[in-house]
């Protein structure tokens, strides 16, 4: 991504969406990623810089947008990518589904035939081979690695709240786990997960990642599961907090929230403002509460070190980023997204409502909403 311009609308963002491939009849994961990616990649007319990629499991695919400076441009790319992948999946008797975890279990889909994926599977054994989890990752441009580390320090208190807004994985092996984000519960079992530590410099961050690689906890420097980090490949801050979100409109909502948070944090870093103190164990408790309850229960305020209603933490987050949202022209997108959350709940809530028809009904509902990811669809669903 390019370096941001001086005005907020020029700060570039991009989104990586991971998707599941489910059999069109059984709604169980199927290993058809290679064929689907080949078919989708052959369709002409993709946006510049946008890519399709394999994921760890053969039942997963990833779409990455190019650089975007506006919510409208990002929405157009997300909608186009989803339609291309859904069309390719349908041609292979499969469904494209955007959710944090599969609703139903199936035979192991196998690991994608790439050397790095093989090393990852070997390092983490069954913990990884059963981890068919999908996320929505947002990249926001920053000037350099030093700025990225400072930004992440300021983001630390807000990461659990961003998770609570984007929970979309309540089911595992056909059963309700009681958690709003089972993906995050699974992810917390890996080293280098959750809210990242506070680092005083880019060098300190690199040293810690290298130490974890030397210890065998991470396969390589790109392997950490921290919910926000300086990207190891791009001049960006990468937020990896959200479950894969059912509709493109939800992904846009999350992305502009993330961009406003990064921009607000970057201004604080530039002004020499110290980040709030957040103890690691309290941060871990806050992530757990968000994964367990989503926006429907009591969360943890990592700064005040006490329980707090989700609505209170959301209000504080919006107050913090409101100037950046207004300057970027994203306030309306976020306010509509909040209104939809109030009316319909998060993705986990909607999955549970669909479950009255059984677990297969949840998977088919997710597939329909993934393949028709327009703002009009979201508004229609909320009526």
Protein backbone atom coordinates (compact mmCIF):
# COMPACT_ATOMS: atom_id res chain seq x y z
CA UNK A 1 0.00 0.00 0.00
CA UNK A 2 1.08 3.57 -0.64
CA UNK A 3 1.95 5.93 2.16
CA UNK A 4 -1.07 7.94 3.34
CA UNK A 5 -1.61 11.47 2.15
CA UNK A 6 -1.85 14.28 4.64
CA UNK A 7 -5.66 14.31 4.54
CA UNK A 8 -7.64 11.51 6.10
CA UNK A 9 -9.59 10.61 2.91
CA UNK A 10 -6.25 9.73 1.29
CA UNK A 11 -5.34 7.08 3.88
CA UNK A 12 -5.46 3.83 1.95
CA UNK A 13 -7.05 0.67 3.26
CA UNK A 14 -7.44 -2.85 1.97
CA UNK A 15 -9.28 -5.94 3.15
CA UNK A 16 -8.41 -9.62 3.09
CA UNK A 17 -11.47 -11.88 3.40
CA UNK A 18 -11.18 -15.60 4.10
CA UNK A 19 -14.07 -17.80 2.97
CA UNK A 20 -15.23 -21.37 3.47
CA UNK A 21 -16.22 -23.70 0.64
CA UNK A 22 -19.17 -25.93 1.55
CA UNK A 23 -20.77 -28.74 -0.42
CA UNK A 24 -23.91 -27.47 -2.17
CA UNK A 25 -26.03 -30.29 -0.71
CA UNK A 26 -24.54 -31.39 2.61
CA UNK A 27 -23.26 -27.91 3.61
CA UNK A 28 -20.07 -29.52 4.93
CA UNK A 29 -16.58 -28.22 4.10
CA UNK A 30 -15.16 -29.58 0.85
CA UNK A 31 -11.58 -29.48 -0.57
CA UNK A 32 -12.29 -27.62 -3.83
CA UNK A 33 -10.22 -24.49 -3.31
CA UNK A 34 -7.79 -25.19 -6.18
CA UNK A 35 -10.54 -25.49 -8.79
CA UNK A 36 -12.53 -22.56 -7.43
CA UNK A 37 -9.51 -20.26 -7.37
CA UNK A 38 -8.54 -21.22 -10.91
CA UNK A 39 -12.06 -20.60 -12.21
CA UNK A 40 -12.47 -17.31 -10.34
CA UNK A 41 -9.05 -16.07 -11.44
CA UNK A 42 -9.92 -16.70 -15.08
CA UNK A 43 -12.82 -14.23 -14.96
CA UNK A 44 -11.69 -10.91 -16.51
CA UNK A 45 -11.97 -7.37 -15.20
CA UNK A 46 -10.74 -7.49 -11.59
CA UNK A 47 -9.65 -4.32 -9.84
CA UNK A 48 -5.97 -3.42 -9.96
CA UNK A 49 -4.04 -5.01 -7.12
CA UNK A 50 -6.82 -7.40 -6.12
CA UNK A 51 -5.85 -11.07 -5.73
CA UNK A 52 -7.29 -14.47 -4.96
CA UNK A 53 -5.15 -16.80 -2.87
CA UNK A 54 -5.23 -20.28 -1.28
CA UNK A 55 -5.44 -20.68 2.45
CA UNK A 56 -4.13 -23.33 4.82
CA UNK A 57 -7.02 -25.73 4.24
CA UNK A 58 -8.26 -26.87 0.85
CA UNK A 59 -11.74 -25.89 1.99
CA UNK A 60 -10.78 -22.20 2.23
CA UNK A 61 -10.02 -19.36 -0.17
CA UNK A 62 -8.95 -15.76 0.33
CA UNK A 63 -9.75 -12.58 -1.59
CA UNK A 64 -7.62 -9.47 -1.10
CA UNK A 65 -8.71 -6.09 -2.40
CA UNK A 66 -6.41 -3.53 -3.90
CA UNK A 67 -5.71 -0.18 -2.22
CA UNK A 68 -8.86 1.87 -1.57
CA UNK A 69 -9.29 5.40 -0.30
CA UNK A 70 -13.10 5.45 0.02
CA UNK A 71 -15.76 3.19 1.46
CA UNK A 72 -17.54 3.11 -1.92
CA UNK A 73 -14.42 1.88 -3.73
CA UNK A 74 -13.83 -0.78 -1.10
CA UNK A 75 -17.46 -1.92 -1.24
CA UNK A 76 -17.32 -2.30 -5.01
CA UNK A 77 -14.24 -4.51 -4.80
CA UNK A 78 -15.62 -6.66 -2.00
CA UNK A 79 -18.92 -7.20 -3.82
CA UNK A 80 -17.13 -8.06 -7.07
CA UNK A 81 -14.74 -10.52 -5.41
CA UNK A 82 -17.53 -12.31 -3.57
CA UNK A 83 -19.61 -12.67 -6.72
CA UNK A 84 -16.66 -14.04 -8.68
CA UNK A 85 -15.81 -16.60 -6.01
CA UNK A 86 -19.46 -17.56 -5.45
CA UNK A 87 -19.94 -18.09 -9.20
CA UNK A 88 -16.83 -20.23 -9.39
CA UNK A 89 -17.89 -22.21 -6.32
CA UNK A 90 -21.36 -22.87 -7.79
CA UNK A 91 -19.69 -24.23 -10.92
CA UNK A 92 -17.92 -26.77 -8.70
CA UNK A 93 -21.08 -27.78 -6.80
CA UNK A 94 -20.03 -25.76 -3.77
CA UNK A 95 -21.17 -22.72 -1.82
CA UNK A 96 -19.06 -19.74 -0.76
CA UNK A 97 -19.66 -18.90 2.90
CA UNK A 98 -18.34 -16.00 4.94
CA UNK A 99 -18.35 -17.01 8.61
CA UNK A 100 -15.72 -17.44 11.29
CA UNK A 101 -16.09 -21.24 11.49
CA UNK A 102 -17.98 -23.96 9.61
CA UNK A 103 -21.39 -24.71 11.07
CA UNK A 104 -21.07 -28.43 10.29
CA UNK A 105 -18.09 -30.72 10.47
CA UNK A 106 -16.92 -33.01 7.69
CA UNK A 107 -14.00 -35.18 6.61
CA UNK A 108 -10.65 -33.40 6.97
CA UNK A 109 -10.25 -31.28 3.81
CA UNK A 110 -6.48 -31.60 3.79
CA UNK A 111 -3.73 -29.01 3.83
CA UNK A 112 -3.00 -26.94 0.74
CA UNK A 113 0.07 -28.21 -1.09
CA UNK A 114 2.54 -25.44 -0.25
CA UNK A 115 5.74 -25.78 1.74
CA UNK A 116 4.88 -23.08 4.28
CA UNK A 117 1.45 -24.54 4.96
CA UNK A 118 3.05 -27.95 5.49
CA UNK A 119 5.44 -26.44 8.07
CA UNK A 120 2.54 -24.78 9.87
CA UNK A 121 0.53 -27.99 9.99
CA UNK A 122 3.55 -29.89 11.29
CA UNK A 123 4.30 -27.28 13.96
CA UNK A 124 0.82 -27.13 15.45
CA UNK A 125 -0.42 -30.67 14.73
CA UNK A 126 -4.13 -31.32 15.26
CA UNK A 127 -4.67 -27.88 16.79
CA UNK A 128 -4.09 -26.43 13.31
CA UNK A 129 -5.45 -29.20 11.10
CA UNK A 130 -8.84 -28.78 12.82
CA UNK A 131 -8.68 -24.99 12.66
CA UNK A 132 -10.86 -24.15 9.64
CA UNK A 133 -11.34 -20.59 10.86
CA UNK A 134 -11.82 -17.52 8.69
CA UNK A 135 -11.22 -13.85 9.45
CA UNK A 136 -11.64 -10.42 7.93
CA UNK A 137 -8.28 -8.61 8.03
CA UNK A 138 -7.95 -4.87 7.44
CA UNK A 139 -4.75 -3.13 6.35
CA UNK A 140 -4.43 0.62 6.89
CA UNK A 141 -1.44 2.52 5.50
CA UNK A 142 1.03 4.17 7.89
CA UNK A 143 4.28 6.03 7.14
CA UNK A 144 6.70 3.41 8.43
CA UNK A 145 7.30 0.53 10.82
CA UNK A 146 8.05 2.79 13.78
CA UNK A 147 4.71 4.54 13.35
CA UNK A 148 2.99 1.16 12.99
CA UNK A 149 4.29 -0.02 16.38
CA UNK A 150 3.15 3.20 18.04
CA UNK A 151 -0.28 2.90 16.46
CA UNK A 152 -0.72 -0.68 17.66
CA UNK A 153 0.14 0.43 21.20
CA UNK A 154 -2.77 2.89 21.08
CA UNK A 155 -5.12 0.31 19.55
CA UNK A 156 -4.62 -2.26 22.31
CA UNK A 157 -7.53 -1.13 24.57
CA UNK A 158 -10.00 -1.13 21.67
CA UNK A 159 -9.31 -4.50 20.09
CA UNK A 160 -11.74 -6.47 22.33
CA UNK A 161 -14.54 -4.01 21.50
CA UNK A 162 -13.85 -4.39 17.77
CA UNK A 163 -14.05 -8.15 18.26
CA UNK A 164 -17.38 -7.89 20.06
CA UNK A 165 -18.82 -5.98 17.10
CA UNK A 166 -17.71 -8.60 14.57
CA UNK A 167 -18.40 -11.98 16.20
CA UNK A 168 -19.73 -14.46 13.64
CA UNK A 169 -18.86 -18.03 14.68
CA UNK A 170 -21.15 -19.49 17.38
CA UNK A 171 -21.26 -23.03 15.94
CA UNK A 172 -18.77 -25.90 15.94
CA UNK A 173 -19.52 -29.36 14.58
CA UNK A 174 -23.21 -28.59 14.31
CA UNK A 175 -23.61 -27.45 17.90
CA UNK A 176 -23.95 -24.05 19.51
CA UNK A 177 -20.78 -23.48 21.52
CA UNK A 178 -22.35 -20.82 23.73
CA UNK A 179 -19.65 -18.43 22.49
CA UNK A 180 -20.17 -15.63 20.01
CA UNK A 181 -16.75 -16.18 18.38
CA UNK A 182 -15.61 -19.79 18.53
CA UNK A 183 -12.92 -18.80 16.02
CA UNK A 184 -11.36 -16.53 18.63
CA UNK A 185 -11.64 -19.15 21.37
CA UNK A 186 -9.76 -21.57 19.12
CA UNK A 187 -7.23 -18.92 18.16
CA UNK A 188 -6.36 -18.19 21.78
CA UNK A 189 -4.86 -21.67 21.94
CA UNK A 190 -1.98 -20.58 19.72
CA UNK A 191 1.16 -18.76 20.88
CA UNK A 192 1.35 -15.15 19.77
CA UNK A 193 -2.41 -14.58 19.96
CA UNK A 194 -4.76 -12.04 21.57
CA UNK A 195 -3.91 -8.42 22.30
CA UNK A 196 -0.24 -7.82 21.45
CA UNK A 197 2.23 -6.69 24.10
CA UNK A 198 3.22 -3.04 24.24
CA UNK A 199 6.49 -2.37 22.42
CA UNK A 200 8.72 0.68 22.84
CA UNK A 201 10.11 0.56 19.32
CA UNK A 202 10.01 -1.26 16.00
CA UNK A 203 13.31 -2.93 16.94
CA UNK A 204 11.77 -4.28 20.15
CA UNK A 205 8.85 -5.66 18.17
CA UNK A 206 11.14 -7.36 15.64
CA UNK A 207 13.27 -8.81 18.43
CA UNK A 208 10.25 -10.31 20.18
CA UNK A 209 8.91 -11.89 16.99
CA UNK A 210 12.36 -13.29 16.21
CA UNK A 211 12.58 -14.68 19.74
CA UNK A 212 9.24 -16.49 19.33
CA UNK A 213 10.42 -17.92 16.02
CA UNK A 214 13.69 -19.09 17.67
CA UNK A 215 11.67 -20.70 20.46
CA UNK A 216 9.63 -22.65 17.93
CA UNK A 217 6.38 -20.95 18.93
CA UNK A 218 6.03 -19.30 15.51
CA UNK A 219 6.91 -20.88 12.18
CA UNK A 220 8.15 -17.56 10.77
CA UNK A 221 7.75 -13.80 11.38
CA UNK A 222 4.43 -13.74 9.44
CA UNK A 223 2.83 -16.33 11.72
CA UNK A 224 1.73 -14.33 14.78
CA UNK A 225 -1.95 -14.34 15.69
CA UNK A 226 -1.91 -10.97 17.43
CA UNK A 227 -5.11 -9.04 16.82
CA UNK A 228 -3.18 -6.06 15.46
CA UNK A 229 0.38 -5.84 14.22
CA UNK A 230 2.71 -4.02 11.87
CA UNK A 231 2.33 -5.96 8.65
CA UNK A 232 5.42 -8.06 7.92
CA UNK A 233 4.94 -7.42 4.17
CA UNK A 234 3.40 -3.97 3.71
CA UNK A 235 3.75 -0.44 5.19
CA UNK A 236 0.48 -0.92 7.05
CA UNK A 237 -1.07 -1.73 10.38
CA UNK A 238 -2.95 -5.00 10.02
CA UNK A 239 -6.03 -5.60 12.18
CA UNK A 240 -6.83 -9.32 12.39
CA UNK A 241 -9.53 -9.09 15.01
CA UNK A 242 -12.78 -9.76 13.12
CA UNK A 243 -14.42 -13.04 12.26
CA UNK A 244 -15.20 -13.38 8.56
CA UNK A 245 -18.27 -11.17 8.16
CA UNK A 246 -21.37 -12.43 6.39
CA UNK A 247 -22.00 -9.46 4.09
CA UNK A 248 -19.74 -7.08 2.24
CA UNK A 249 -21.48 -4.18 3.94
CA UNK A 250 -20.39 -5.49 7.34
CA UNK A 251 -16.82 -5.78 6.05
CA UNK A 252 -16.95 -2.14 4.88
CA UNK A 253 -18.31 -1.08 8.28
CA UNK A 254 -15.46 -2.86 10.06
CA UNK A 255 -12.83 -1.52 7.66
CA UNK A 256 -13.79 2.14 8.07
CA UNK A 257 -13.92 1.69 11.85
CA UNK A 258 -10.43 0.20 11.68
CA UNK A 259 -9.14 3.01 9.46
CA UNK A 260 -10.53 5.69 11.77
CA UNK A 261 -8.97 3.96 14.79
CA UNK A 262 -5.57 3.73 13.07
CA UNK A 263 -5.74 7.36 11.95
CA UNK A 264 -6.71 8.53 15.44
CA UNK A 265 -3.90 6.49 16.95
CA UNK A 266 -1.42 7.85 14.38
CA UNK A 267 -2.33 11.41 15.29
CA UNK A 268 -1.76 10.55 18.95
CA UNK A 269 1.64 9.03 18.15
CA UNK A 270 2.62 12.12 16.15
CA UNK A 271 1.56 14.36 19.04
CA UNK A 272 3.64 12.36 21.52
CA UNK A 273 0.62 11.11 23.49
CA UNK A 274 1.39 8.03 25.58
CA UNK A 275 -0.92 5.06 25.00
CA UNK A 276 -3.23 3.96 27.82
CA UNK A 277 -1.75 1.41 30.19
CA UNK A 278 -3.31 -2.02 29.66
CA UNK A 279 -2.12 -5.03 31.61
CA UNK A 280 -1.72 -8.17 29.56
CA UNK A 281 -3.92 -10.39 31.74
CA UNK A 282 -6.72 -7.83 31.80
CA UNK A 283 -6.46 -7.55 28.02
CA UNK A 284 -6.75 -11.34 27.80
CA UNK A 285 -9.85 -11.23 30.00
CA UNK A 286 -11.35 -8.58 27.73
CA UNK A 287 -10.76 -10.69 24.60
CA UNK A 288 -12.29 -13.72 26.29
CA UNK A 289 -15.40 -11.75 27.33
CA UNK A 290 -15.84 -10.39 23.80
CA UNK A 291 -15.48 -13.86 22.28
CA UNK A 292 -17.90 -15.33 24.79
CA UNK A 293 -20.62 -12.66 24.75
CA UNK A 294 -20.19 -10.41 21.72
CA UNK A 295 -22.28 -7.26 21.99
CA UNK A 296 -25.01 -9.06 23.92
CA UNK A 297 -23.41 -9.23 27.35
CA UNK A 298 -21.05 -7.75 29.86
CA UNK A 299 -17.55 -7.03 28.54
CA UNK A 300 -14.32 -5.88 30.18
CA UNK A 301 -12.93 -2.35 30.02
CA UNK A 302 -9.17 -3.00 29.73
CA UNK A 303 -8.21 0.49 30.95
CA UNK A 304 -10.57 0.74 33.93
CA UNK A 305 -10.05 -2.98 34.64
CA UNK A 306 -13.71 -3.61 35.33
CA UNK A 307 -16.79 -5.05 33.68
CA UNK A 308 -18.68 -2.73 31.38
CA UNK A 309 -21.73 -3.03 29.10
CA UNK A 310 -20.87 -3.39 25.44
CA UNK A 311 -22.87 -0.24 24.67
CA UNK A 312 -20.67 1.82 26.99
CA UNK A 313 -17.44 0.59 25.39
CA UNK A 314 -18.86 1.14 21.92
CA UNK A 315 -19.82 4.71 22.81
CA UNK A 316 -16.30 5.40 24.09
CA UNK A 317 -14.77 3.95 20.92
CA UNK A 318 -17.00 6.10 18.71
CA UNK A 319 -16.17 9.22 20.72
CA UNK A 320 -12.46 8.49 20.27
CA UNK A 321 -12.64 8.03 16.48
CA UNK A 322 -15.52 10.38 15.57
CA UNK A 323 -13.28 13.20 14.25
CA UNK A 324 -11.47 10.76 11.96
CA UNK A 325 -14.76 9.28 10.75
CA UNK A 326 -16.15 12.70 9.89
CA UNK A 327 -12.97 13.82 8.16
CA UNK A 328 -12.94 10.70 5.99
CA UNK A 329 -16.65 10.95 5.17
CA UNK A 330 -17.30 7.60 6.86
CA UNK A 331 -19.58 8.70 9.71
CA UNK A 332 -22.77 7.75 7.85
CA UNK A 333 -21.43 4.27 7.04
CA UNK A 334 -20.59 3.65 10.68
CA UNK A 335 -23.83 5.05 12.07
CA UNK A 336 -25.84 2.86 9.69
CA UNK A 337 -23.72 -0.12 10.68
CA UNK A 338 -24.39 0.52 14.37
CA UNK A 339 -28.11 0.87 13.67
CA UNK A 340 -28.07 -2.50 11.89
CA UNK A 341 -26.29 -4.09 14.84
CA UNK A 342 -28.93 -2.73 17.20
CA UNK A 343 -31.78 -3.98 15.00
CA UNK A 344 -30.41 -7.34 13.90
CA UNK A 345 -27.56 -8.16 16.26
CA UNK A 346 -24.11 -9.30 15.23
CA UNK A 347 -23.49 -12.20 12.87
CA UNK A 348 -23.51 -14.71 15.73
CA UNK A 349 -27.00 -13.55 16.76
CA UNK A 350 -28.33 -13.93 13.22
CA UNK A 351 -26.81 -17.40 12.88
CA UNK A 352 -28.57 -18.47 16.05
CA UNK A 353 -31.91 -17.18 14.78
CA UNK A 354 -31.43 -19.15 11.55
CA UNK A 355 -30.71 -22.28 13.60
CA UNK A 356 -34.42 -22.82 14.29
CA UNK A 357 -34.33 -24.67 10.96
CA UNK A 358 -31.33 -26.78 11.99
CA UNK A 359 -27.61 -26.38 11.37
CA UNK A 360 -27.86 -26.91 7.60
CA UNK A 361 -30.33 -24.04 7.44
CA UNK A 362 -27.70 -21.79 9.04
CA UNK A 363 -25.12 -22.74 6.41
CA UNK A 364 -27.52 -22.17 3.51
CA UNK A 365 -28.58 -18.81 4.94
CA UNK A 366 -24.93 -17.77 5.24
CA UNK A 367 -24.28 -18.80 1.64
CA UNK A 368 -27.21 -16.72 0.36
CA UNK A 369 -26.06 -13.63 2.26
CA UNK A 370 -22.43 -14.09 1.25
CA UNK A 371 -23.32 -14.29 -2.45
CA UNK A 372 -25.58 -11.21 -2.38
CA UNK A 373 -23.49 -8.81 -0.31
CA UNK A 374 -25.04 -5.45 -1.15
CA UNK A 375 -26.12 -2.57 1.04
CA UNK A 376 -29.63 -3.04 -0.32
CA UNK A 377 -29.60 -6.65 0.87
CA UNK A 378 -28.57 -5.61 4.37
CA UNK A 379 -31.35 -3.02 4.56
CA UNK A 380 -33.91 -5.53 3.26
CA UNK A 381 -32.83 -8.15 5.80
CA UNK A 382 -33.32 -5.68 8.64
CA UNK A 383 -36.99 -5.03 7.84
